N, C-alpha and C. Protein backbone atom coordinates (compact mmCIF):
# COMPACT_ATOMS: atom_id res chain seq x y z
N MET A 1 106.30 130.18 122.73
CA MET A 1 105.81 130.84 121.45
C MET A 1 106.03 129.86 120.29
N ASN A 2 105.42 130.20 119.11
CA ASN A 2 105.58 129.24 118.00
C ASN A 2 106.83 129.65 117.26
N ALA A 3 107.79 128.80 117.33
CA ALA A 3 109.03 129.00 116.62
C ALA A 3 108.86 128.18 115.31
N PRO A 4 109.57 128.56 114.28
CA PRO A 4 109.46 127.77 113.07
C PRO A 4 110.16 126.35 113.29
N LEU A 5 109.56 125.37 112.53
CA LEU A 5 110.04 123.95 112.87
C LEU A 5 111.22 123.85 112.05
N ARG A 6 112.18 122.96 112.60
CA ARG A 6 113.40 122.61 111.80
C ARG A 6 113.01 121.66 110.75
N LYS A 7 113.94 121.49 109.81
CA LYS A 7 113.53 120.57 108.63
C LYS A 7 113.36 119.10 109.16
N ASP A 8 114.08 118.73 110.04
CA ASP A 8 113.96 117.30 110.54
C ASP A 8 112.65 117.13 111.22
N GLU A 9 112.22 118.07 112.03
CA GLU A 9 110.90 118.01 112.70
C GLU A 9 109.77 118.05 111.74
N LEU A 10 109.85 118.93 110.67
CA LEU A 10 108.89 119.15 109.76
C LEU A 10 108.72 117.82 108.88
N LEU A 11 109.81 117.14 108.61
CA LEU A 11 109.79 115.82 107.84
C LEU A 11 109.09 114.78 108.77
N ALA A 12 109.39 114.87 110.10
CA ALA A 12 108.82 113.84 110.96
C ALA A 12 107.28 113.95 111.05
N VAL A 13 106.87 115.29 110.98
CA VAL A 13 105.44 115.56 111.03
C VAL A 13 104.77 115.25 109.73
N MET A 14 105.43 115.47 108.55
CA MET A 14 104.84 115.17 107.37
C MET A 14 104.68 113.64 107.13
N LEU A 15 105.54 112.92 107.64
CA LEU A 15 105.72 111.38 107.46
C LEU A 15 104.91 110.59 108.49
N ALA A 16 104.47 111.25 109.60
CA ALA A 16 103.71 110.55 110.57
C ALA A 16 102.52 109.63 110.09
N PRO A 17 101.67 110.30 109.29
CA PRO A 17 100.46 109.40 108.86
C PRO A 17 101.03 108.10 108.12
N ALA A 18 102.17 108.22 107.40
CA ALA A 18 102.65 107.01 106.68
C ALA A 18 103.08 105.95 107.66
N ARG A 19 103.53 106.35 108.75
CA ARG A 19 103.95 105.21 109.84
C ARG A 19 102.67 104.62 110.41
N HIS A 20 101.73 105.31 110.64
CA HIS A 20 100.51 104.66 111.20
C HIS A 20 99.69 103.86 110.29
N SER A 21 99.67 104.26 109.09
CA SER A 21 98.85 103.34 108.18
C SER A 21 99.53 103.38 106.79
N PRO A 22 100.65 102.46 106.79
CA PRO A 22 101.39 102.43 105.53
C PRO A 22 100.57 101.82 104.41
N GLU A 23 100.87 102.37 103.19
CA GLU A 23 100.20 101.81 102.06
C GLU A 23 100.71 100.44 101.53
N ARG A 24 99.87 99.48 101.33
CA ARG A 24 100.37 98.16 100.96
C ARG A 24 100.87 98.26 99.50
N SER A 25 101.94 97.37 99.26
CA SER A 25 102.57 97.54 98.02
C SER A 25 101.66 96.73 96.96
N ARG A 26 101.53 97.35 95.78
CA ARG A 26 100.84 96.69 94.79
C ARG A 26 101.64 96.03 93.88
N ALA A 27 102.95 95.81 94.28
CA ALA A 27 103.87 95.06 93.24
C ALA A 27 103.45 93.59 93.20
N LEU A 28 103.76 93.09 91.98
CA LEU A 28 103.44 91.68 91.83
C LEU A 28 104.75 90.79 92.39
N PRO A 29 104.56 89.38 92.55
CA PRO A 29 105.70 88.61 93.00
C PRO A 29 106.86 88.76 92.03
N ALA A 30 107.98 88.50 92.56
CA ALA A 30 109.24 88.77 91.75
C ALA A 30 109.32 87.91 90.44
N ALA A 31 108.68 86.67 90.54
CA ALA A 31 108.65 85.83 89.40
C ALA A 31 107.89 86.47 88.17
N CYS A 32 106.96 87.39 88.50
CA CYS A 32 106.16 87.98 87.36
C CYS A 32 107.10 88.91 86.60
N TYR A 33 108.20 89.37 87.07
CA TYR A 33 109.12 90.26 86.32
C TYR A 33 110.24 89.66 85.69
N ARG A 34 110.40 88.37 85.80
CA ARG A 34 111.48 87.67 85.24
C ARG A 34 111.09 87.30 83.83
N ASP A 35 112.09 86.59 83.26
CA ASP A 35 111.87 86.05 81.80
C ASP A 35 110.91 84.95 81.87
N PRO A 36 109.85 84.96 81.13
CA PRO A 36 108.83 83.88 81.18
C PRO A 36 109.43 82.62 80.75
N ALA A 37 110.56 82.58 79.99
CA ALA A 37 111.09 81.28 79.58
C ALA A 37 111.63 80.53 80.82
N GLU A 38 112.16 81.37 81.79
CA GLU A 38 112.77 80.80 82.97
C GLU A 38 111.60 80.28 83.92
N SER A 39 110.37 80.85 84.06
CA SER A 39 109.46 80.56 84.99
C SER A 39 108.37 79.61 84.51
N VAL A 40 108.19 79.56 83.23
CA VAL A 40 107.03 78.84 82.70
C VAL A 40 107.60 77.37 82.34
N LYS A 41 106.83 76.32 82.87
CA LYS A 41 107.38 74.95 82.58
C LYS A 41 106.41 74.26 81.79
N LEU A 42 106.83 73.38 80.91
CA LEU A 42 105.82 72.54 80.11
C LEU A 42 105.55 71.34 81.05
N GLU A 43 104.41 70.66 80.59
CA GLU A 43 103.90 69.58 81.35
C GLU A 43 105.05 68.46 81.44
N ALA A 44 105.82 68.26 80.52
CA ALA A 44 106.88 67.17 80.59
C ALA A 44 107.97 67.64 81.45
N GLU A 45 108.13 68.98 81.68
CA GLU A 45 109.24 69.42 82.67
C GLU A 45 108.87 69.44 84.10
N LYS A 46 107.44 69.44 84.30
CA LYS A 46 107.08 69.55 85.73
C LYS A 46 107.34 68.16 86.45
N PRO A 47 107.72 68.31 87.86
CA PRO A 47 107.84 67.13 88.44
C PRO A 47 106.64 66.29 88.71
N LYS A 48 106.59 65.07 88.75
CA LYS A 48 105.36 64.21 88.84
C LYS A 48 105.20 64.10 90.47
N PRO A 49 103.95 64.16 90.80
CA PRO A 49 103.68 63.99 92.32
C PRO A 49 103.90 62.48 92.70
N LYS A 50 104.48 62.34 93.83
CA LYS A 50 104.85 61.01 94.32
C LYS A 50 103.69 60.50 95.25
N PRO A 51 103.31 59.23 94.94
CA PRO A 51 102.24 58.66 95.83
C PRO A 51 102.63 58.61 97.27
N LYS A 52 101.78 58.79 98.12
CA LYS A 52 102.11 58.82 99.62
C LYS A 52 101.96 57.31 100.05
N LYS A 53 102.87 56.95 101.01
CA LYS A 53 102.78 55.65 101.51
C LYS A 53 101.80 55.64 102.54
N PRO A 54 100.88 54.63 102.70
CA PRO A 54 99.86 54.51 103.77
C PRO A 54 100.67 54.29 105.08
N LYS A 55 100.34 54.95 106.08
CA LYS A 55 100.93 54.93 107.47
C LYS A 55 99.97 54.00 108.36
N PRO A 56 100.47 53.17 109.10
CA PRO A 56 99.64 52.43 110.01
C PRO A 56 99.01 53.39 111.12
N PRO A 57 97.89 52.99 111.56
CA PRO A 57 97.24 53.91 112.56
C PRO A 57 98.12 53.96 113.93
N LYS A 58 98.08 55.10 114.63
CA LYS A 58 98.85 55.14 115.79
C LYS A 58 98.11 54.45 116.88
N VAL A 59 98.86 53.80 117.76
CA VAL A 59 98.32 53.08 118.75
C VAL A 59 98.85 53.67 120.15
N ASN A 60 97.97 53.90 121.03
CA ASN A 60 98.46 54.44 122.27
C ASN A 60 98.97 53.30 123.15
N LYS A 61 100.22 53.22 123.18
CA LYS A 61 100.83 52.03 123.94
C LYS A 61 100.67 52.11 125.46
N LYS A 62 100.32 53.20 125.96
CA LYS A 62 100.15 53.16 127.57
C LYS A 62 99.05 52.46 128.00
N TRP A 63 97.99 52.33 127.14
CA TRP A 63 96.77 51.63 127.65
C TRP A 63 96.60 50.25 127.13
N ARG A 64 97.63 49.65 126.56
CA ARG A 64 97.52 48.34 126.00
C ARG A 64 97.39 47.33 127.17
């Protein structure tokens, strides 16, 4: 027969859809919530990109 559900069973039934299709978080990245003075850098403070050294082409030494 139909007995009343216990509280833990009722909670499991109520939360079942959330486990199958959880809602994506709409929170912004953590850096967006910090003090802007810490995260914003001026052009002079940004690291300069280093030029890449040209590498010689790879040679398959087996077939030489």
